[in-house]
N, C-alpha and C. Protein backbone atom coordinates (compact mmCIF):
# COMPACT_ATOMS: atom_id res chain seq x y z
N MET A 1 -53.94 35.11 -51.27
CA MET A 1 -54.21 36.52 -51.45
C MET A 1 -52.88 37.27 -51.35
N ASN A 2 -52.71 38.24 -52.27
CA ASN A 2 -51.50 39.04 -52.26
C ASN A 2 -51.87 40.51 -52.41
N TRP A 3 -50.85 41.39 -52.30
CA TRP A 3 -51.11 42.83 -52.37
C TRP A 3 -51.66 43.23 -53.73
N GLN A 4 -51.17 42.61 -54.80
CA GLN A 4 -51.66 42.98 -56.12
C GLN A 4 -53.16 42.74 -56.25
N SER A 5 -53.63 41.59 -55.78
CA SER A 5 -55.07 41.31 -55.89
C SER A 5 -55.89 42.24 -55.00
N VAL A 6 -55.36 42.58 -53.82
CA VAL A 6 -56.08 43.49 -52.93
C VAL A 6 -56.17 44.89 -53.54
N ILE A 7 -55.05 45.42 -54.02
CA ILE A 7 -55.06 46.76 -54.62
C ILE A 7 -55.98 46.79 -55.84
N THR A 8 -55.94 45.74 -56.65
CA THR A 8 -56.80 45.67 -57.82
C THR A 8 -58.27 45.64 -57.42
N SER A 9 -58.59 44.91 -56.35
CA SER A 9 -60.00 44.83 -55.92
C SER A 9 -60.50 46.12 -55.29
N ILE A 10 -59.58 46.90 -54.71
CA ILE A 10 -59.98 48.18 -54.10
C ILE A 10 -60.42 49.16 -55.18
N GLY A 11 -59.65 49.24 -56.26
CA GLY A 11 -59.99 50.15 -57.35
C GLY A 11 -59.86 51.60 -56.92
N GLY A 12 -60.68 52.45 -57.48
CA GLY A 12 -60.73 53.86 -57.09
C GLY A 12 -59.53 54.66 -57.57
N PRO A 13 -59.31 55.81 -56.94
CA PRO A 13 -58.29 56.74 -57.42
C PRO A 13 -56.86 56.21 -57.32
N LEU A 14 -56.59 55.38 -56.31
CA LEU A 14 -55.25 54.83 -56.19
C LEU A 14 -54.96 53.90 -57.36
N LEU A 15 -55.92 53.05 -57.69
CA LEU A 15 -55.72 52.13 -58.80
C LEU A 15 -55.61 52.90 -60.11
N ASN A 16 -56.35 53.98 -60.26
CA ASN A 16 -56.23 54.80 -61.47
C ASN A 16 -54.81 55.36 -61.59
N THR A 17 -54.19 55.64 -60.46
CA THR A 17 -52.85 56.22 -60.47
C THR A 17 -51.78 55.18 -60.72
N ILE A 18 -51.86 54.05 -60.03
CA ILE A 18 -50.77 53.06 -60.13
C ILE A 18 -51.20 51.76 -60.78
N GLY A 19 -52.45 51.66 -61.20
CA GLY A 19 -52.99 50.40 -61.70
C GLY A 19 -52.28 49.82 -62.90
N THR A 20 -51.79 50.68 -63.79
CA THR A 20 -51.16 50.16 -65.00
C THR A 20 -49.89 49.39 -64.69
N VAL A 21 -49.23 49.72 -63.60
CA VAL A 21 -48.01 48.99 -63.28
C VAL A 21 -48.23 47.93 -62.22
N VAL A 22 -49.31 48.04 -61.44
CA VAL A 22 -49.58 47.04 -60.40
C VAL A 22 -49.86 45.68 -61.02
N ALA A 23 -50.54 45.68 -62.15
CA ALA A 23 -50.89 44.41 -62.78
C ALA A 23 -49.72 43.78 -63.52
N GLY A 24 -48.68 44.54 -63.78
CA GLY A 24 -47.56 44.03 -64.55
C GLY A 24 -46.50 43.36 -63.70
N PRO A 25 -45.36 43.05 -64.31
CA PRO A 25 -44.31 42.32 -63.62
C PRO A 25 -43.66 43.12 -62.48
N MET A 26 -43.77 44.42 -62.51
CA MET A 26 -43.17 45.25 -61.46
C MET A 26 -44.15 45.50 -60.32
N GLY A 27 -45.36 45.04 -60.48
CA GLY A 27 -46.44 45.41 -59.57
C GLY A 27 -46.34 44.94 -58.15
N GLY A 28 -45.65 43.84 -57.89
CA GLY A 28 -45.62 43.29 -56.54
C GLY A 28 -45.15 44.27 -55.49
N ARG A 29 -44.00 44.85 -55.71
CA ARG A 29 -43.42 45.78 -54.72
C ARG A 29 -44.22 47.08 -54.65
N ILE A 30 -44.72 47.55 -55.78
CA ILE A 30 -45.52 48.77 -55.81
C ILE A 30 -46.82 48.56 -55.06
N ALA A 31 -47.50 47.45 -55.33
CA ALA A 31 -48.74 47.14 -54.64
C ALA A 31 -48.50 46.95 -53.15
N GLU A 32 -47.39 46.32 -52.80
CA GLU A 32 -47.06 46.12 -51.38
C GLU A 32 -46.89 47.47 -50.67
N THR A 33 -46.19 48.39 -51.29
CA THR A 33 -45.98 49.71 -50.70
C THR A 33 -47.32 50.42 -50.50
N ALA A 34 -48.14 50.45 -51.56
CA ALA A 34 -49.44 51.11 -51.46
C ALA A 34 -50.33 50.40 -50.44
N GLY A 35 -50.31 49.08 -50.45
CA GLY A 35 -51.14 48.32 -49.52
C GLY A 35 -50.77 48.56 -48.07
N GLN A 36 -49.48 48.64 -47.79
CA GLN A 36 -49.04 48.91 -46.42
C GLN A 36 -49.45 50.31 -45.98
N MET A 37 -49.44 51.25 -46.91
CA MET A 37 -49.89 52.61 -46.58
C MET A 37 -51.39 52.63 -46.29
N ILE A 38 -52.15 51.87 -47.04
CA ILE A 38 -53.59 51.77 -46.80
C ILE A 38 -53.83 51.11 -45.44
N ALA A 39 -53.07 50.06 -45.14
CA ALA A 39 -53.21 49.39 -43.85
C ALA A 39 -52.91 50.34 -42.71
N GLU A 40 -51.86 51.15 -42.88
CA GLU A 40 -51.50 52.13 -41.86
C GLU A 40 -52.64 53.14 -41.66
N ALA A 41 -53.21 53.61 -42.78
CA ALA A 41 -54.31 54.57 -42.70
C ALA A 41 -55.56 53.94 -42.07
N LEU A 42 -55.73 52.64 -42.28
CA LEU A 42 -56.86 51.93 -41.67
C LEU A 42 -56.62 51.61 -40.20
N GLY A 43 -55.35 51.55 -39.81
CA GLY A 43 -55.02 51.16 -38.45
C GLY A 43 -55.10 49.66 -38.25
N VAL A 44 -54.84 48.90 -39.33
CA VAL A 44 -54.88 47.44 -39.25
C VAL A 44 -53.49 46.89 -39.51
N GLU A 45 -53.35 45.59 -39.27
CA GLU A 45 -52.08 44.91 -39.53
C GLU A 45 -51.72 45.06 -41.01
N PRO A 46 -50.45 45.29 -41.35
CA PRO A 46 -50.08 45.51 -42.75
C PRO A 46 -49.99 44.21 -43.56
N THR A 47 -51.14 43.56 -43.71
CA THR A 47 -51.21 42.34 -44.52
C THR A 47 -52.35 42.49 -45.52
N PRO A 48 -52.24 41.80 -46.66
CA PRO A 48 -53.32 41.86 -47.64
C PRO A 48 -54.67 41.42 -47.05
N GLN A 49 -54.65 40.40 -46.22
CA GLN A 49 -55.88 39.89 -45.64
C GLN A 49 -56.55 40.93 -44.75
N ALA A 50 -55.75 41.62 -43.92
CA ALA A 50 -56.32 42.62 -43.00
C ALA A 50 -56.97 43.76 -43.78
N VAL A 51 -56.32 44.20 -44.83
CA VAL A 51 -56.90 45.28 -45.64
C VAL A 51 -58.15 44.79 -46.36
N ALA A 52 -58.09 43.61 -46.94
CA ALA A 52 -59.23 43.07 -47.68
C ALA A 52 -60.44 42.84 -46.79
N ASN A 53 -60.21 42.55 -45.51
CA ASN A 53 -61.31 42.27 -44.58
C ASN A 53 -61.90 43.53 -43.95
N ALA A 54 -61.28 44.67 -44.19
CA ALA A 54 -61.80 45.93 -43.62
C ALA A 54 -63.09 46.32 -44.36
N PRO A 55 -63.97 47.05 -43.68
CA PRO A 55 -65.20 47.51 -44.35
C PRO A 55 -64.86 48.39 -45.55
N ARG A 56 -65.64 48.25 -46.60
CA ARG A 56 -65.38 48.94 -47.87
C ARG A 56 -65.31 50.46 -47.69
N ASP A 57 -66.19 51.05 -46.89
CA ASP A 57 -66.18 52.50 -46.73
C ASP A 57 -64.91 52.97 -46.02
N GLN A 58 -64.40 52.15 -45.08
CA GLN A 58 -63.16 52.51 -44.41
C GLN A 58 -61.97 52.40 -45.36
N ILE A 59 -62.02 51.39 -46.24
CA ILE A 59 -60.95 51.24 -47.23
C ILE A 59 -60.93 52.46 -48.15
N GLU A 60 -62.11 52.88 -48.60
CA GLU A 60 -62.18 54.04 -49.49
C GLU A 60 -61.65 55.30 -48.81
N THR A 61 -61.94 55.46 -47.54
CA THR A 61 -61.43 56.61 -46.78
C THR A 61 -59.91 56.53 -46.66
N ALA A 62 -59.40 55.33 -46.39
CA ALA A 62 -57.95 55.14 -46.28
C ALA A 62 -57.25 55.40 -47.61
N VAL A 63 -57.86 54.95 -48.70
CA VAL A 63 -57.28 55.19 -50.03
C VAL A 63 -57.24 56.69 -50.29
N GLN A 64 -58.31 57.41 -49.96
CA GLN A 64 -58.32 58.87 -50.15
C GLN A 64 -57.21 59.53 -49.32
N ALA A 65 -56.99 59.01 -48.10
CA ALA A 65 -55.93 59.56 -47.25
C ALA A 65 -54.56 59.35 -47.90
N VAL A 66 -54.36 58.18 -48.50
CA VAL A 66 -53.08 57.89 -49.16
C VAL A 66 -52.91 58.77 -50.40
N VAL A 67 -53.95 58.83 -51.21
CA VAL A 67 -53.88 59.58 -52.47
C VAL A 67 -53.69 61.08 -52.23
N SER A 68 -54.29 61.59 -51.18
CA SER A 68 -54.21 63.03 -50.93
C SER A 68 -52.96 63.44 -50.14
N ASP A 69 -52.17 62.46 -49.72
CA ASP A 69 -50.95 62.76 -48.96
C ASP A 69 -49.76 62.80 -49.91
N PRO A 70 -49.20 64.00 -50.16
CA PRO A 70 -48.08 64.11 -51.10
C PRO A 70 -46.87 63.25 -50.72
N ALA A 71 -46.61 63.11 -49.42
CA ALA A 71 -45.45 62.31 -48.99
C ALA A 71 -45.66 60.83 -49.35
N ARG A 72 -46.86 60.34 -49.13
CA ARG A 72 -47.13 58.93 -49.45
C ARG A 72 -47.07 58.71 -50.96
N MET A 73 -47.65 59.64 -51.72
CA MET A 73 -47.62 59.48 -53.18
C MET A 73 -46.19 59.60 -53.69
N ALA A 74 -45.38 60.43 -53.06
CA ALA A 74 -43.97 60.54 -53.45
C ALA A 74 -43.24 59.22 -53.16
N ALA A 75 -43.59 58.58 -52.04
CA ALA A 75 -42.98 57.29 -51.72
C ALA A 75 -43.37 56.23 -52.74
N ILE A 76 -44.64 56.24 -53.15
CA ILE A 76 -45.08 55.30 -54.18
C ILE A 76 -44.36 55.60 -55.49
N ALA A 77 -44.25 56.88 -55.84
CA ALA A 77 -43.54 57.27 -57.07
C ALA A 77 -42.08 56.82 -57.01
N ALA A 78 -41.47 56.90 -55.84
CA ALA A 78 -40.08 56.46 -55.69
C ALA A 78 -39.95 54.97 -55.95
N VAL A 79 -40.90 54.19 -55.42
CA VAL A 79 -40.87 52.74 -55.65
C VAL A 79 -41.10 52.45 -57.13
N ILE A 80 -42.03 53.17 -57.76
CA ILE A 80 -42.26 52.98 -59.19
C ILE A 80 -40.98 53.30 -59.96
N GLY A 81 -40.30 54.38 -59.56
CA GLY A 81 -39.04 54.74 -60.20
C GLY A 81 -37.98 53.66 -60.05
N GLU A 82 -37.86 53.11 -58.84
CA GLU A 82 -36.88 52.04 -58.59
C GLU A 82 -37.20 50.81 -59.42
N GLU A 83 -38.49 50.44 -59.44
CA GLU A 83 -38.88 49.26 -60.20
C GLU A 83 -38.70 49.48 -61.70
N THR A 84 -38.94 50.71 -62.14
CA THR A 84 -38.74 51.04 -63.55
C THR A 84 -37.26 50.90 -63.91
N LYS A 85 -36.38 51.39 -63.04
CA LYS A 85 -34.94 51.25 -63.28
C LYS A 85 -34.53 49.78 -63.31
N ARG A 86 -35.09 49.00 -62.39
CA ARG A 86 -34.77 47.57 -62.34
C ARG A 86 -35.22 46.88 -63.63
N GLU A 87 -36.43 47.22 -64.09
CA GLU A 87 -36.94 46.62 -65.33
C GLU A 87 -36.13 47.09 -66.53
N ALA A 88 -35.72 48.36 -66.54
CA ALA A 88 -34.88 48.88 -67.62
C ALA A 88 -33.54 48.14 -67.66
N ALA A 89 -32.98 47.86 -66.50
CA ALA A 89 -31.71 47.12 -66.44
C ALA A 89 -31.90 45.70 -66.96
N ARG A 90 -33.03 45.08 -66.62
CA ARG A 90 -33.31 43.73 -67.11
C ARG A 90 -33.44 43.73 -68.63
N LEU A 91 -34.16 44.72 -69.16
CA LEU A 91 -34.34 44.80 -70.60
C LEU A 91 -33.01 45.10 -71.30
N ALA A 92 -32.17 45.95 -70.68
CA ALA A 92 -30.86 46.24 -71.25
C ALA A 92 -30.01 44.97 -71.30
N ASP A 93 -30.13 44.14 -70.28
CA ASP A 93 -29.40 42.88 -70.25
C ASP A 93 -29.84 41.98 -71.40
N VAL A 94 -31.15 41.93 -71.65
CA VAL A 94 -31.67 41.13 -72.76
C VAL A 94 -31.15 41.68 -74.08
N GLN A 95 -31.18 43.00 -74.22
CA GLN A 95 -30.68 43.62 -75.44
C GLN A 95 -29.19 43.34 -75.63
N ASP A 96 -28.44 43.37 -74.55
CA ASP A 96 -27.01 43.10 -74.63
C ASP A 96 -26.78 41.66 -75.07
N ALA A 97 -27.60 40.74 -74.57
CA ALA A 97 -27.46 39.34 -74.98
C ALA A 97 -27.73 39.19 -76.47
N ARG A 98 -28.74 39.89 -76.96
CA ARG A 98 -29.04 39.83 -78.39
C ARG A 98 -27.90 40.46 -79.21
N ARG A 99 -27.35 41.55 -78.71
CA ARG A 99 -26.24 42.21 -79.40
C ARG A 99 -25.02 41.28 -79.44
N THR A 100 -24.76 40.59 -78.34
CA THR A 100 -23.64 39.65 -78.29
C THR A 100 -23.85 38.54 -79.32
N MET A 101 -25.08 38.04 -79.40
CA MET A 101 -25.38 36.98 -80.36
C MET A 101 -25.18 37.48 -81.79
N THR A 102 -25.60 38.69 -82.06
CA THR A 102 -25.42 39.28 -83.39
C THR A 102 -23.94 39.42 -83.72
N ASP A 103 -23.15 39.87 -82.75
CA ASP A 103 -21.71 40.01 -82.95
C ASP A 103 -21.06 38.66 -83.26
N MET A 104 -21.48 37.63 -82.54
CA MET A 104 -20.92 36.29 -82.78
C MET A 104 -21.28 35.81 -84.18
N GLN A 105 -22.50 36.11 -84.62
CA GLN A 105 -22.90 35.70 -85.97
C GLN A 105 -22.05 36.42 -87.02
N ARG A 106 -21.80 37.70 -86.82
CA ARG A 106 -20.99 38.47 -87.77
C ARG A 106 -19.56 37.92 -87.85
N GLN A 107 -19.04 37.45 -86.72
CA GLN A 107 -17.68 36.93 -86.68
C GLN A 107 -17.60 35.48 -87.15
N GLY A 108 -18.75 34.88 -87.38
CA GLY A 108 -18.77 33.50 -87.86
C GLY A 108 -18.49 32.48 -86.78
N ALA A 109 -18.71 32.81 -85.52
CA ALA A 109 -18.46 31.88 -84.42
C ALA A 109 -19.46 30.71 -84.49
N ALA A 110 -18.93 29.52 -84.27
CA ALA A 110 -19.77 28.32 -84.32
C ALA A 110 -20.89 28.35 -83.28
N ILE A 111 -20.62 28.93 -82.11
CA ILE A 111 -21.62 28.98 -81.05
C ILE A 111 -22.85 29.80 -81.46
N ALA A 112 -22.70 30.64 -82.46
CA ALA A 112 -23.83 31.44 -82.93
C ALA A 112 -24.94 30.57 -83.49
N TRP A 113 -24.61 29.33 -83.87
CA TRP A 113 -25.62 28.41 -84.39
C TRP A 113 -26.39 27.70 -83.28
N ALA A 114 -25.96 27.85 -82.03
CA ALA A 114 -26.61 27.14 -80.92
C ALA A 114 -28.11 27.45 -80.82
N PRO A 115 -28.53 28.73 -80.87
CA PRO A 115 -29.96 28.99 -80.79
C PRO A 115 -30.75 28.35 -81.94
N VAL A 116 -30.17 28.34 -83.12
CA VAL A 116 -30.84 27.72 -84.27
C VAL A 116 -30.98 26.23 -84.03
N LEU A 117 -29.90 25.60 -83.58
CA LEU A 117 -29.91 24.16 -83.34
C LEU A 117 -30.89 23.79 -82.23
N VAL A 118 -30.82 24.50 -81.12
CA VAL A 118 -31.72 24.20 -80.00
C VAL A 118 -33.18 24.44 -80.42
N SER A 119 -33.44 25.52 -81.12
CA SER A 119 -34.79 25.82 -81.58
C SER A 119 -35.32 24.73 -82.50
N THR A 120 -34.47 24.27 -83.39
CA THR A 120 -34.87 23.21 -84.32
C THR A 120 -35.18 21.93 -83.56
N ILE A 121 -34.34 21.57 -82.63
CA ILE A 121 -34.57 20.35 -81.83
C ILE A 121 -35.89 20.45 -81.08
N ILE A 122 -36.14 21.59 -80.47
CA ILE A 122 -37.38 21.77 -79.70
C ILE A 122 -38.59 21.63 -80.62
N PHE A 123 -38.55 22.28 -81.79
CA PHE A 123 -39.71 22.20 -82.69
C PHE A 123 -39.88 20.82 -83.30
N VAL A 124 -38.80 20.09 -83.54
CA VAL A 124 -38.92 18.72 -84.04
C VAL A 124 -39.56 17.84 -82.97
N ILE A 125 -39.11 17.98 -81.72
CA ILE A 125 -39.72 17.20 -80.63
C ILE A 125 -41.18 17.58 -80.46
N TRP A 126 -41.47 18.88 -80.46
CA TRP A 126 -42.85 19.34 -80.31
C TRP A 126 -43.72 18.80 -81.45
N GLY A 127 -43.20 18.89 -82.69
CA GLY A 127 -43.96 18.39 -83.84
C GLY A 127 -44.23 16.90 -83.74
N GLY A 128 -43.22 16.14 -83.31
CA GLY A 128 -43.42 14.70 -83.14
C GLY A 128 -44.45 14.38 -82.09
N LEU A 129 -44.40 15.10 -80.98
CA LEU A 129 -45.39 14.88 -79.94
C LEU A 129 -46.78 15.34 -80.38
N LEU A 130 -46.85 16.40 -81.18
CA LEU A 130 -48.13 16.87 -81.71
C LEU A 130 -48.77 15.79 -82.58
N VAL A 131 -47.96 15.18 -83.43
CA VAL A 131 -48.47 14.09 -84.27
C VAL A 131 -48.93 12.94 -83.39
N ALA A 132 -48.16 12.61 -82.33
CA ALA A 132 -48.53 11.51 -81.44
C ALA A 132 -49.83 11.80 -80.71
N VAL A 133 -50.02 13.06 -80.30
CA VAL A 133 -51.22 13.41 -79.52
C VAL A 133 -52.43 13.58 -80.43
N VAL A 134 -52.27 14.32 -81.51
CA VAL A 134 -53.41 14.64 -82.37
C VAL A 134 -53.65 13.55 -83.40
N GLY A 135 -52.59 13.13 -84.07
CA GLY A 135 -52.74 12.14 -85.13
C GLY A 135 -52.95 10.73 -84.60
N LYS A 136 -52.47 10.46 -83.42
CA LYS A 136 -52.56 9.14 -82.77
C LYS A 136 -52.16 7.99 -83.71
N PRO A 137 -51.00 8.13 -84.41
CA PRO A 137 -50.59 7.02 -85.27
C PRO A 137 -50.05 5.83 -84.47
N LEU A 138 -49.69 6.08 -83.22
CA LEU A 138 -49.11 5.04 -82.40
C LEU A 138 -50.10 4.61 -81.33
N GLN A 139 -49.99 3.36 -80.91
CA GLN A 139 -50.85 2.85 -79.85
C GLN A 139 -50.10 2.91 -78.53
N PHE A 140 -50.68 3.63 -77.56
CA PHE A 140 -50.06 3.77 -76.24
C PHE A 140 -51.00 3.23 -75.18
N SER A 141 -50.43 2.73 -74.10
CA SER A 141 -51.24 2.36 -72.94
C SER A 141 -51.66 3.65 -72.24
N ASP A 142 -52.57 3.56 -71.28
CA ASP A 142 -53.02 4.76 -70.55
C ASP A 142 -51.86 5.46 -69.86
N ALA A 143 -50.96 4.68 -69.26
CA ALA A 143 -49.81 5.27 -68.57
C ALA A 143 -48.89 5.97 -69.57
N GLN A 144 -48.71 5.37 -70.73
CA GLN A 144 -47.87 6.00 -71.75
C GLN A 144 -48.51 7.28 -72.29
N TRP A 145 -49.84 7.29 -72.43
CA TRP A 145 -50.54 8.49 -72.89
C TRP A 145 -50.34 9.63 -71.91
N GLN A 146 -50.35 9.30 -70.63
CA GLN A 146 -50.13 10.35 -69.63
C GLN A 146 -48.74 10.96 -69.80
N ILE A 147 -47.74 10.12 -70.02
CA ILE A 147 -46.38 10.61 -70.21
C ILE A 147 -46.29 11.44 -71.49
N VAL A 148 -46.91 10.97 -72.57
CA VAL A 148 -46.89 11.71 -73.84
C VAL A 148 -47.56 13.07 -73.66
N ASN A 149 -48.69 13.11 -72.96
CA ASN A 149 -49.40 14.37 -72.74
C ASN A 149 -48.57 15.35 -71.90
N ILE A 150 -47.91 14.84 -70.87
CA ILE A 150 -47.05 15.70 -70.04
C ILE A 150 -45.89 16.22 -70.89
N ALA A 151 -45.28 15.33 -71.66
CA ALA A 151 -44.16 15.74 -72.52
C ALA A 151 -44.62 16.77 -73.55
N PHE A 152 -45.83 16.58 -74.11
CA PHE A 152 -46.35 17.53 -75.09
C PHE A 152 -46.59 18.90 -74.45
N GLY A 153 -47.12 18.90 -73.23
CA GLY A 153 -47.32 20.17 -72.53
C GLY A 153 -46.00 20.89 -72.28
N SER A 154 -45.00 20.15 -71.85
CA SER A 154 -43.68 20.74 -71.61
C SER A 154 -43.06 21.24 -72.91
N ALA A 155 -43.16 20.44 -73.96
CA ALA A 155 -42.59 20.84 -75.25
C ALA A 155 -43.34 22.05 -75.81
N SER A 156 -44.64 22.14 -75.56
CA SER A 156 -45.41 23.30 -76.02
C SER A 156 -44.90 24.57 -75.35
N GLY A 157 -44.62 24.49 -74.06
CA GLY A 157 -44.06 25.64 -73.35
C GLY A 157 -42.72 26.05 -73.91
N LEU A 158 -41.88 25.07 -74.22
CA LEU A 158 -40.58 25.37 -74.82
C LEU A 158 -40.74 25.97 -76.22
N ALA A 159 -41.71 25.46 -76.98
CA ALA A 159 -41.95 26.00 -78.32
C ALA A 159 -42.38 27.46 -78.25
N VAL A 160 -43.18 27.80 -77.26
CA VAL A 160 -43.59 29.20 -77.08
C VAL A 160 -42.37 30.07 -76.75
N GLN A 161 -41.50 29.55 -75.90
CA GLN A 161 -40.29 30.30 -75.57
C GLN A 161 -39.40 30.51 -76.80
N VAL A 162 -39.31 29.50 -77.64
CA VAL A 162 -38.53 29.63 -78.86
C VAL A 162 -39.14 30.70 -79.76
N ALA A 163 -40.46 30.67 -79.91
CA ALA A 163 -41.13 31.68 -80.73
C ALA A 163 -40.88 33.08 -80.15
N ASN A 164 -40.97 33.21 -78.84
CA ASN A 164 -40.71 34.51 -78.21
C ASN A 164 -39.26 34.95 -78.43
N TYR A 165 -38.34 34.00 -78.40
CA TYR A 165 -36.93 34.34 -78.62
C TYR A 165 -36.74 34.90 -80.02
N TRP A 166 -37.32 34.22 -81.01
CA TRP A 166 -37.09 34.64 -82.40
C TRP A 166 -37.96 35.82 -82.80
N LEU A 167 -39.16 35.89 -82.28
CA LEU A 167 -40.07 36.97 -82.69
C LEU A 167 -40.02 38.15 -81.75
N GLY A 168 -39.58 37.91 -80.51
CA GLY A 168 -39.42 38.99 -79.54
C GLY A 168 -40.75 39.58 -79.11
N SER A 169 -40.65 40.55 -78.22
CA SER A 169 -41.85 41.23 -77.74
C SER A 169 -41.58 42.72 -77.65
N SER A 170 -40.89 43.25 -78.64
CA SER A 170 -40.51 44.65 -78.62
C SER A 170 -41.72 45.57 -78.54
N ASN A 171 -42.78 45.24 -79.27
CA ASN A 171 -43.98 46.08 -79.22
C ASN A 171 -44.59 46.04 -77.83
N GLY A 172 -44.64 44.87 -77.22
CA GLY A 172 -45.15 44.76 -75.86
C GLY A 172 -44.30 45.56 -74.88
N SER A 173 -42.99 45.54 -75.07
CA SER A 173 -42.10 46.31 -74.20
C SER A 173 -42.33 47.80 -74.37
N ARG A 174 -42.51 48.23 -75.62
CA ARG A 174 -42.78 49.66 -75.85
C ARG A 174 -44.09 50.07 -75.19
N THR A 175 -45.12 49.25 -75.33
CA THR A 175 -46.42 49.55 -74.72
C THR A 175 -46.29 49.62 -73.21
N LYS A 176 -45.58 48.65 -72.63
CA LYS A 176 -45.38 48.63 -71.18
C LYS A 176 -44.60 49.85 -70.72
N ASP A 177 -43.55 50.22 -71.46
CA ASP A 177 -42.76 51.40 -71.09
C ASP A 177 -43.63 52.64 -71.10
N GLY A 178 -44.51 52.76 -72.08
CA GLY A 178 -45.41 53.91 -72.13
C GLY A 178 -46.35 53.95 -70.94
N MET A 179 -46.86 52.78 -70.55
CA MET A 179 -47.75 52.72 -69.39
C MET A 179 -47.00 53.10 -68.12
N ILE A 180 -45.77 52.67 -67.99
CA ILE A 180 -44.96 53.00 -66.82
C ILE A 180 -44.74 54.51 -66.75
N GLU A 181 -44.40 55.11 -67.88
CA GLU A 181 -44.18 56.56 -67.91
C GLU A 181 -45.46 57.31 -67.54
N GLN A 182 -46.60 56.85 -68.01
CA GLN A 182 -47.88 57.49 -67.66
C GLN A 182 -48.14 57.38 -66.17
N ALA A 183 -47.88 56.21 -65.60
CA ALA A 183 -48.10 56.01 -64.17
C ALA A 183 -47.17 56.89 -63.35
N LEU A 184 -45.91 56.98 -63.77
CA LEU A 184 -44.97 57.86 -63.06
C LEU A 184 -45.43 59.31 -63.14
N ALA A 185 -45.87 59.74 -64.30
CA ALA A 185 -46.33 61.12 -64.45
C ALA A 185 -47.56 61.37 -63.58
N ALA A 186 -48.45 60.39 -63.50
CA ALA A 186 -49.66 60.55 -62.68
C ALA A 186 -49.32 60.64 -61.21
N THR A 187 -48.34 59.84 -60.74
CA THR A 187 -48.00 59.87 -59.32
C THR A 187 -47.24 61.14 -58.95
N ARG A 188 -46.62 61.76 -59.95
CA ARG A 188 -45.89 63.00 -59.70
C ARG A 188 -46.75 64.23 -59.97
N GLY A 189 -48.05 64.00 -60.18
CA GLY A 189 -48.96 65.11 -60.41
C GLY A 189 -48.83 65.67 -61.81
N GLY A 190 -48.48 64.80 -62.79
CA GLY A 190 -48.40 65.22 -64.18
C GLY A 190 -47.12 65.93 -64.54
N LYS A 191 -46.15 65.97 -63.64
CA LYS A 191 -44.89 66.69 -63.91
C LYS A 191 -44.01 65.92 -64.85
C-alpha cells in the first residue's frame, strides 16, 4: 500500500483537485504530501496504512479539513509546482538529447547511426524470437522453451522502447502538461 493508492481510494474533493497528477509519474510526492496532511487531520500516524484503516466518515471529515484550509492547499500546490518543474526539466533533457542527435546527423557524424543500428539489431532479434515462439520452426526442450520465452519477453520490452524512441510520445506529453496545468489552477483556486 502506498500514498497514491490511498489518495485514489479516498476520492472526493481532494482527488478532484489533485487526482489528475496523483495517478501520473509525479504523483508519489504529491500524494504523500496530501496523505500526511490527512493523517495529521485524523490524528493518526502519517502512514498510508493508518489513513486507509481510519473510518470512512472520519477520512471524509479530514479531507474536508485539508481542502478547506488555504495553507494546506497552498502547500500541495507548491509540491505540484516543484514536481512540475522537475518533470519539465526531465522533458527538456529528453528534448536536448533529441536535438543533439539531430545536430550529429546534420554534421554527418558516424555516431548518429548508432540508434538506427541498435534499433535494427533489437528488431531483428525480436523478429527471430517471434518466429521461434509463434512459428515454432525449431524443436526445443522444455528448458530451452523457457529461455526462449524469457528472451522473447525481454526483446518485446526493448522493441517497445525502440518504437517509443522513434515515434515518441509528444501527444501524451502535451495531454499530461494540460492536466498538470488544470490541477495547478484548481489548487490555486482557479487563478
